[in-house]
Amino acid sequence: MVVEDCIESTEVTLLAVFPAVSVLRALKICQSLHAYGEKRGFNASDIRVTNSLLDSYAKCGCIESALRLYEEISVERKNLVSWTSMISGFEKRGMGKQAVEYFSSMDQVGLRPNRVTLLSIFDAWRGLIDEGLNFFGKMVDEYEIALDIKHYGCLIDMLGRAGRLEEAENMALEVPSNIVNVVIWRTLLGACSFHGNVEMGERVTKKILEMERGYGGDYVLMSNIFAGVEGA
């Protein structure tokens, strides 16, 4: 469009292209769009373009470029999307400590997180179970954000991986009926299989079958649990 037809793009054009760049992890194209945005003045005039560029750099695996761009954004221009993009970028690169630090800084400047921000932070808390659970309480009590299936799934997976299966089961039972999903219980069944908990695995399988029948993977997981115990 730009080269062959000599049609100048707008900010909206770039916003439409960035998601494709992120999916393809096309870093060179991301860098080209960065240069084009600078030339046209979009990066300086439209925070949406800057945030999308930042997010694309992070998703392309170039957290250094994302961080440099983030630091170039003035305090006045930074918004929740700017902070969330960096927090999510750190989390996806396994930089949980930096993600938590940035979240704390965001909190200090008075920006309230949204569901996307909190989901990224939950992922960053993996391995720090008690801290994650404390944050879960803060999320509900202080931020007054209604949890969705992804938040519960992340917490249950976190507890399950750590072997805290009873806590994970209790949390699954506490999921509100309006958002309960079979995926929650399959996540817990996977943890039961990993840790060889036959008794809980049977309960969870029964719960799954009450909600949805005909998925062979559930039977395979339960079979693996029994096989693991018999081979021990």
C-alpha atoms as a PDB file:
ATOM      1  CA  MET A   1       0.000   0.000   0.000  1.00  0.00           C
ATOM      2  CA  VAL A   2       2.729   2.445   1.000  1.00  0.00           C
ATOM      3  CA  VAL A   3       5.469   1.417  -1.432  1.00  0.00           C
ATOM      4  CA  GLU A   4       3.578   0.206  -4.492  1.00  0.00           C
ATOM      5  CA  ASP A   5       0.446   2.369  -4.419  1.00  0.00           C
ATOM      6  CA  CYS A   6       2.028   5.363  -2.650  1.00  0.00           C
ATOM      7  CA  ILE A   7      -0.889   5.559  -0.226  1.00  0.00           C
ATOM      8  CA  GLU A   8       0.070   7.073   3.112  1.00  0.00           C
ATOM      9  CA  SER A   9      -1.113   5.114   6.081  1.00  0.00           C
ATOM     10  CA  THR A  10      -2.773   6.536   9.180  1.00  0.00           C
ATOM     11  CA  GLU A  11      -2.453   5.646  12.830  1.00  0.00           C
ATOM     12  CA  VAL A  12      -5.396   3.275  12.411  1.00  0.00           C
ATOM     13  CA  THR A  13      -3.519   1.409   9.675  1.00  0.00           C
ATOM     14  CA  LEU A  14      -0.595   0.735  11.998  1.00  0.00           C
ATOM     15  CA  LEU A  15      -2.915  -0.332  14.797  1.00  0.00           C
ATOM     16  CA  ALA A  16      -4.415  -2.906  12.428  1.00  0.00           C
ATOM     17  CA  VAL A  17      -0.975  -4.251  11.433  1.00  0.00           C
ATOM     18  CA  PHE A  18       0.640  -4.579  14.873  1.00  0.00           C
ATOM     19  CA  PRO A  19      -1.409  -7.645  15.991  1.00  0.00           C
ATOM     20  CA  ALA A  20      -0.264  -9.564  12.886  1.00  0.00           C
ATOM     21  CA  VAL A  21       3.349  -8.580  13.593  1.00  0.00           C
ATOM     22  CA  SER A  22       2.982  -9.881  17.143  1.00  0.00           C
ATOM     23  CA  VAL A  23       1.493 -13.206  16.045  1.00  0.00           C
ATOM     24  CA  LEU A  24       4.243 -13.726  13.460  1.00  0.00           C
ATOM     25  CA  ARG A  25       6.910 -12.467  15.882  1.00  0.00           C
ATOM     26  CA  ALA A  26       8.272 -10.483  12.945  1.00  0.00           C
ATOM     27  CA  LEU A  27      10.854  -8.344  14.717  1.00  0.00           C
ATOM     28  CA  LYS A  28      12.281  -6.747  11.556  1.00  0.00           C
ATOM     29  CA  ILE A  29       8.819  -5.617  10.458  1.00  0.00           C
ATOM     30  CA  CYS A  30       8.220  -4.285  13.961  1.00  0.00           C
ATOM     31  CA  GLN A  31      11.427  -2.250  13.686  1.00  0.00           C
ATOM     32  CA  SER A  32      10.356  -0.960  10.260  1.00  0.00           C
ATOM     33  CA  LEU A  33       6.990   0.116  11.632  1.00  0.00           C
ATOM     34  CA  HIS A  34       8.789   1.811  14.505  1.00  0.00           C
ATOM     35  CA  ALA A  35      10.869   3.842  12.025  1.00  0.00           C
ATOM     36  CA  TYR A  36       7.817   4.615   9.907  1.00  0.00           C
ATOM     37  CA  GLY A  37       5.857   5.743  12.967  1.00  0.00           C
ATOM     38  CA  GLU A  38       8.721   8.035  13.966  1.00  0.00           C
ATOM     39  CA  LYS A  39       8.905   9.514  10.478  1.00  0.00           C
ATOM     40  CA  ARG A  40       5.170  10.213  10.364  1.00  0.00           C
ATOM     41  CA  GLY A  41       5.062  11.486  13.953  1.00  0.00           C
ATOM     42  CA  PHE A  42       2.584   8.807  15.050  1.00  0.00           C
ATOM     43  CA  ASN A  43       4.714   7.595  17.952  1.00  0.00           C
ATOM     44  CA  ALA A  44       4.824  11.039  19.493  1.00  0.00           C
ATOM     45  CA  SER A  45       1.206  11.992  18.839  1.00  0.00           C
ATOM     46  CA  ASP A  46      -0.780   8.800  19.495  1.00  0.00           C
ATOM     47  CA  ILE A  47      -0.168   6.776  22.647  1.00  0.00           C
ATOM     48  CA  ARG A  48      -2.140   3.906  21.098  1.00  0.00           C
ATOM     49  CA  VAL A  49       0.540   3.494  18.444  1.00  0.00           C
ATOM     50  CA  THR A  50       3.334   3.697  21.019  1.00  0.00           C
ATOM     51  CA  ASN A  51       1.654   1.115  23.249  1.00  0.00           C
ATOM     52  CA  SER A  52       1.002  -1.231  20.325  1.00  0.00           C
ATOM     53  CA  LEU A  53       4.624  -0.942  19.244  1.00  0.00           C
ATOM     54  CA  LEU A  54       5.800  -1.609  22.785  1.00  0.00           C
ATOM     55  CA  ASP A  55       3.543  -4.662  23.038  1.00  0.00           C
ATOM     56  CA  SER A  56       4.740  -5.963  19.646  1.00  0.00           C
ATOM     57  CA  TYR A  57       8.397  -5.649  20.630  1.00  0.00           C
ATOM     58  CA  ALA A  58       7.698  -7.625  23.803  1.00  0.00           C
ATOM     59  CA  LYS A  59       5.768 -10.333  21.942  1.00  0.00           C
ATOM     60  CA  CYS A  60       8.519 -10.550  19.317  1.00  0.00           C
ATOM     61  CA  GLY A  61      10.889 -11.423  22.158  1.00  0.00           C
ATOM     62  CA  CYS A  62      12.824  -8.150  22.150  1.00  0.00           C
ATOM     63  CA  ILE A  63      12.143  -7.022  25.700  1.00  0.00           C
ATOM     64  CA  GLU A  64      15.162  -4.672  25.540  1.00  0.00           C
ATOM     65  CA  SER A  65      13.595  -2.628  22.727  1.00  0.00           C
ATOM     66  CA  ALA A  66      10.241  -2.653  24.533  1.00  0.00           C
ATOM     67  CA  LEU A  67      11.893  -1.353  27.688  1.00  0.00           C
ATOM     68  CA  ARG A  68      13.786   1.397  25.841  1.00  0.00           C
ATOM     69  CA  LEU A  69      10.583   2.537  24.163  1.00  0.00           C
ATOM     70  CA  TYR A  70       8.715   2.417  27.472  1.00  0.00           C
ATOM     71  CA  GLU A  71      11.333   4.602  29.151  1.00  0.00           C
ATOM     72  CA  GLU A  72      11.045   7.151  26.340  1.00  0.00           C
ATOM     73  CA  ILE A  73       7.327   7.647  27.070  1.00  0.00           C
ATOM     74  CA  SER A  74       6.809  10.623  29.342  1.00  0.00           C
ATOM     75  CA  VAL A  75       5.155  10.095  32.708  1.00  0.00           C
ATOM     76  CA  GLU A  76       2.195  12.157  31.567  1.00  0.00           C
ATOM     77  CA  ARG A  77       1.594   9.959  28.498  1.00  0.00           C
ATOM     78  CA  LYS A  78       1.995   6.565  30.167  1.00  0.00           C
ATOM     79  CA  ASN A  79      -1.355   4.906  30.770  1.00  0.00           C
ATOM     80  CA  LEU A  80      -2.581   1.555  32.051  1.00  0.00           C
ATOM     81  CA  VAL A  81      -1.967  -0.118  28.685  1.00  0.00           C
ATOM     82  CA  SER A  82       1.666   1.063  28.719  1.00  0.00           C
ATOM     83  CA  TRP A  83       2.277  -0.440  32.139  1.00  0.00           C
ATOM     84  CA  THR A  84       0.346  -3.630  31.392  1.00  0.00           C
ATOM     85  CA  SER A  85       2.253  -4.217  28.157  1.00  0.00           C
ATOM     86  CA  MET A  86       5.567  -4.070  30.009  1.00  0.00           C
ATOM     87  CA  ILE A  87       4.335  -6.233  32.885  1.00  0.00           C
ATOM     88  CA  SER A  88       3.009  -8.817  30.429  1.00  0.00           C
ATOM     89  CA  GLY A  89       6.239  -8.655  28.427  1.00  0.00           C
ATOM     90  CA  PHE A  90       8.358  -9.331  31.499  1.00  0.00           C
ATOM     91  CA  GLU A  91       6.094 -12.200  32.557  1.00  0.00           C
ATOM     92  CA  LYS A  92       6.258 -13.895  29.144  1.00  0.00           C
ATOM     93  CA  ARG A  93      10.065 -13.716  29.229  1.00  0.00           C
ATOM     94  CA  GLY A  94      10.154 -15.383  32.640  1.00  0.00           C
ATOM     95  CA  MET A  95      11.157 -12.132  34.352  1.00  0.00           C
ATOM     96  CA  GLY A  96       8.676 -12.437  37.199  1.00  0.00           C
ATOM     97  CA  LYS A  97      10.644 -10.230  39.589  1.00  0.00           C
ATOM     98  CA  GLN A  98      10.658  -7.318  37.130  1.00  0.00           C
ATOM     99  CA  ALA A  99       6.957  -7.818  36.397  1.00  0.00           C
ATOM    100  CA  VAL A 100       6.123  -7.578  40.106  1.00  0.00           C
ATOM    101  CA  GLU A 101       8.372  -4.523  40.547  1.00  0.00           C
ATOM    102  CA  TYR A 102       6.671  -2.722  37.676  1.00  0.00           C
ATOM    103  CA  PHE A 103       3.264  -3.613  39.048  1.00  0.00           C
ATOM    104  CA  SER A 104       4.231  -2.120  42.417  1.00  0.00           C
ATOM    105  CA  SER A 105       5.449   1.050  40.685  1.00  0.00           C
ATOM    106  CA  MET A 106       2.212   1.276  38.730  1.00  0.00           C
ATOM    107  CA  ASP A 107       0.261   0.932  41.953  1.00  0.00           C
ATOM    108  CA  GLN A 108       2.320   3.711  43.559  1.00  0.00           C
ATOM    109  CA  VAL A 109       1.498   6.197  40.793  1.00  0.00           C
ATOM    110  CA  GLY A 110      -2.182   5.558  41.401  1.00  0.00           C
ATOM    111  CA  LEU A 111      -3.157   3.481  38.369  1.00  0.00           C
ATOM    112  CA  ARG A 112      -5.650   0.745  39.161  1.00  0.00           C
ATOM    113  CA  PRO A 113      -5.040  -2.554  37.347  1.00  0.00           C
ATOM    114  CA  ASN A 114      -7.587  -4.203  35.115  1.00  0.00           C
ATOM    115  CA  ARG A 115      -8.214  -7.905  34.532  1.00  0.00           C
ATOM    116  CA  VAL A 116      -5.473  -8.216  31.921  1.00  0.00           C
ATOM    117  CA  THR A 117      -2.881  -6.643  34.229  1.00  0.00           C
ATOM    118  CA  LEU A 118      -3.851  -8.938  37.060  1.00  0.00           C
ATOM    119  CA  LEU A 119      -3.723 -12.048  34.909  1.00  0.00           C
ATOM    120  CA  SER A 120      -0.149 -11.207  33.926  1.00  0.00           C
ATOM    121  CA  ILE A 121       0.782 -10.703  37.563  1.00  0.00           C
ATOM    122  CA  PHE A 122      -0.777 -14.023  38.557  1.00  0.00           C
ATOM    123  CA  ASP A 123       1.452 -15.754  36.022  1.00  0.00           C
ATOM    124  CA  ALA A 124       4.465 -13.894  37.411  1.00  0.00           C
ATOM    125  CA  TRP A 125       3.686 -15.228  40.907  1.00  0.00           C
ATOM    126  CA  ARG A 126       4.180 -18.877  39.855  1.00  0.00           C
ATOM    127  CA  GLY A 127       6.518 -20.450  42.395  1.00  0.00           C
ATOM    128  CA  LEU A 128       5.574 -17.838  45.006  1.00  0.00           C
ATOM    129  CA  ILE A 129       2.310 -19.398  46.059  1.00  0.00           C
ATOM    130  CA  ASP A 130       1.631 -17.580  49.332  1.00  0.00           C
ATOM    131  CA  GLU A 131       2.433 -14.210  47.772  1.00  0.00           C
ATOM    132  CA  GLY A 132       0.110 -15.042  44.907  1.00  0.00           C
ATOM    133  CA  LEU A 133      -2.722 -15.967  47.246  1.00  0.00           C
ATOM    134  CA  ASN A 134      -2.242 -12.771  49.243  1.00  0.00           C
ATOM    135  CA  PHE A 135      -2.394 -10.826  46.020  1.00  0.00           C
ATOM    136  CA  PHE A 136      -5.557 -12.710  45.093  1.00  0.00           C
ATOM    137  CA  GLY A 137      -7.185 -11.419  48.280  1.00  0.00           C
ATOM    138  CA  LYS A 138      -6.009  -7.881  47.563  1.00  0.00           C
ATOM    139  CA  MET A 139      -7.397  -8.115  44.058  1.00  0.00           C
ATOM    140  CA  VAL A 140     -10.862  -8.942  45.355  1.00  0.00           C
ATOM    141  CA  ASP A 141     -10.938  -6.730  48.449  1.00  0.00           C
ATOM    142  CA  GLU A 142      -8.964  -3.646  47.422  1.00  0.00           C
ATOM    143  CA  TYR A 143      -9.280  -3.470  43.651  1.00  0.00           C
ATOM    144  CA  GLU A 144     -12.839  -4.841  43.687  1.00  0.00           C
ATOM    145  CA  ILE A 145     -12.322  -6.636  40.389  1.00  0.00           C
ATOM    146  CA  ALA A 146     -14.663  -9.480  39.522  1.00  0.00           C
ATOM    147  CA  LEU A 147     -12.613 -12.567  38.802  1.00  0.00           C
ATOM    148  CA  ASP A 148     -13.199 -14.512  35.609  1.00  0.00           C
ATOM    149  CA  ILE A 149     -12.453 -18.077  34.558  1.00  0.00           C
ATOM    150  CA  LYS A 150      -8.876 -17.238  33.543  1.00  0.00           C
ATOM    151  CA  HIS A 151      -7.991 -15.857  36.979  1.00  0.00           C
ATOM    152  CA  TYR A 152      -9.387 -18.893  38.775  1.00  0.00           C
ATOM    153  CA  GLY A 153      -7.742 -21.226  36.287  1.00  0.00           C
ATOM    154  CA  CYS A 154      -4.371 -19.583  36.825  1.00  0.00           C
ATOM    155  CA  LEU A 155      -4.657 -19.837  40.606  1.00  0.00           C
ATOM    156  CA  ILE A 156      -5.778 -23.468  40.552  1.00  0.00           C
ATOM    157  CA  ASP A 157      -2.986 -24.355  38.149  1.00  0.00           C
ATOM    158  CA  MET A 158      -0.494 -22.546  40.400  1.00  0.00           C
ATOM    159  CA  LEU A 159      -1.635 -24.461  43.476  1.00  0.00           C
ATOM    160  CA  GLY A 160      -1.805 -27.748  41.581  1.00  0.00           C
ATOM    161  CA  ARG A 161       1.726 -27.471  40.235  1.00  0.00           C
ATOM    162  CA  ALA A 162       2.965 -26.828  43.773  1.00  0.00           C
ATOM    163  CA  GLY A 163       1.233 -29.976  45.048  1.00  0.00           C
ATOM    164  CA  ARG A 164      -1.240 -28.052  47.183  1.00  0.00           C
ATOM    165  CA  LEU A 165      -4.094 -30.076  45.772  1.00  0.00           C
ATOM    166  CA  GLU A 166      -6.579 -29.688  48.636  1.00  0.00           C
ATOM    167  CA  GLU A 167      -6.359 -25.898  48.386  1.00  0.00           C
ATOM    168  CA  ALA A 168      -6.742 -26.136  44.622  1.00  0.00           C
ATOM    169  CA  GLU A 169      -9.829 -28.337  44.986  1.00  0.00           C
ATOM    170  CA  ASN A 170     -11.371 -26.014  47.556  1.00  0.00           C
ATOM    171  CA  MET A 171     -10.822 -23.064  45.248  1.00  0.00           C
ATOM    172  CA  ALA A 172     -12.402 -24.961  42.341  1.00  0.00           C
ATOM    173  CA  LEU A 173     -15.438 -25.599  44.510  1.00  0.00           C
ATOM    174  CA  GLU A 174     -15.660 -21.892  45.333  1.00  0.00           C
ATOM    175  CA  VAL A 175     -15.765 -20.758  41.692  1.00  0.00           C
ATOM    176  CA  PRO A 176     -19.122 -18.966  41.220  1.00  0.00           C
ATOM    177  CA  SER A 177     -21.696 -21.006  39.345  1.00  0.00           C
ATOM    178  CA  ASN A 178     -22.083 -18.324  36.678  1.00  0.00           C
ATOM    179  CA  ILE A 179     -18.473 -18.742  35.505  1.00  0.00           C
ATOM    180  CA  VAL A 180     -17.653 -22.336  36.442  1.00  0.00           C
ATOM    181  CA  ASN A 181     -16.124 -24.218  33.532  1.00  0.00           C
ATOM    182  CA  VAL A 182     -15.031 -27.807  32.955  1.00  0.00           C
ATOM    183  CA  VAL A 183     -11.545 -26.520  32.089  1.00  0.00           C
ATOM    184  CA  ILE A 184     -11.057 -25.633  35.758  1.00  0.00           C
ATOM    185  CA  TRP A 185     -11.617 -29.243  36.773  1.00  0.00           C
ATOM    186  CA  ARG A 186      -9.473 -30.605  33.949  1.00  0.00           C
ATOM    187  CA  THR A 187      -6.652 -28.391  35.170  1.00  0.00           C
ATOM    188  CA  LEU A 188      -7.043 -29.900  38.620  1.00  0.00           C
ATOM    189  CA  LEU A 189      -7.226 -33.432  37.176  1.00  0.00           C
ATOM    190  CA  GLY A 190      -3.924 -32.803  35.420  1.00  0.00           C
ATOM    191  CA  ALA A 191      -2.390 -31.850  38.774  1.00  0.00           C
ATOM    192  CA  CYS A 192      -3.809 -35.012  40.355  1.00  0.00           C
ATOM    193  CA  SER A 193      -2.214 -37.052  37.578  1.00  0.00           C
ATOM    194  CA  PHE A 194       1.139 -35.317  38.004  1.00  0.00           C
ATOM    195  CA  HIS A 195       1.169 -35.870  41.774  1.00  0.00           C
ATOM    196  CA  GLY A 196      -0.469 -39.332  41.688  1.00  0.00           C
ATOM    197  CA  ASN A 197      -3.442 -38.436  43.893  1.00  0.00           C
ATOM    198  CA  VAL A 198      -5.929 -41.231  43.074  1.00  0.00           C
ATOM    199  CA  GLU A 199      -8.599 -40.327  45.626  1.00  0.00           C
ATOM    200  CA  MET A 200      -8.913 -36.727  44.502  1.00  0.00           C
ATOM    201  CA  GLY A 201      -8.529 -37.755  40.876  1.00  0.00           C
ATOM    202  CA  GLU A 202     -11.623 -39.940  41.164  1.00  0.00           C
ATOM    203  CA  ARG A 203     -13.622 -37.098  42.701  1.00  0.00           C
ATOM    204  CA  VAL A 204     -12.502 -34.652  40.057  1.00  0.00           C
ATOM    205  CA  THR A 205     -13.201 -37.082  37.218  1.00  0.00           C
ATOM    206  CA  LYS A 206     -16.709 -37.635  38.552  1.00  0.00           C
ATOM    207  CA  LYS A 207     -17.225 -33.875  38.665  1.00  0.00           C
ATOM    208  CA  ILE A 208     -16.012 -33.525  35.069  1.00  0.00           C
ATOM    209  CA  LEU A 209     -18.301 -36.270  33.833  1.00  0.00           C
ATOM    210  CA  GLU A 210     -21.255 -34.580  35.499  1.00  0.00           C
ATOM    211  CA  MET A 211     -20.504 -31.494  33.434  1.00  0.00           C
ATOM    212  CA  GLU A 212     -19.377 -33.005  30.164  1.00  0.00           C
ATOM    213  CA  ARG A 213     -19.109 -36.553  28.860  1.00  0.00           C
ATOM    214  CA  GLY A 214     -17.433 -38.010  25.838  1.00  0.00           C
ATOM    215  CA  TYR A 215     -13.976 -36.428  26.087  1.00  0.00           C
ATOM    216  CA  GLY A 216     -11.458 -39.261  26.030  1.00  0.00           C
ATOM    217  CA  GLY A 217      -8.639 -37.231  27.542  1.00  0.00           C
ATOM    218  CA  ASP A 218     -10.324 -37.302  30.955  1.00  0.00           C
ATOM    219  CA  TYR A 219     -10.262 -41.108  31.017  1.00  0.00           C
ATOM    220  CA  VAL A 220      -6.648 -41.143  29.866  1.00  0.00           C
ATOM    221  CA  LEU A 221      -5.589 -38.863  32.713  1.00  0.00           C
ATOM    222  CA  MET A 222      -7.427 -40.973  35.270  1.00  0.00           C
ATOM    223  CA  SER A 223      -5.886 -44.125  33.808  1.00  0.00           C
ATOM    224  CA  ASN A 224      -2.465 -42.538  34.108  1.00  0.00           C
ATOM    225  CA  ILE A 225      -3.063 -41.822  37.774  1.00  0.00           C
ATOM    226  CA  PHE A 226      -3.912 -45.468  38.473  1.00  0.00           C
ATOM    227  CA  ALA A 227      -0.987 -46.667  36.356  1.00  0.00           C
ATOM    228  CA  GLY A 228       1.399 -44.415  38.232  1.00  0.00           C
ATOM    229  CA  VAL A 229       0.267 -45.727  41.610  1.00  0.00           C
ATOM    230  CA  GLU A 230       0.458 -49.347  40.501  1.00  0.00           C
ATOM    231  CA  GLY A 231       3.944 -48.854  39.148  1.00  0.00           C
ATOM    232  CA  ALA A 232       5.195 -47.140  42.296  1.00  0.00           C
END
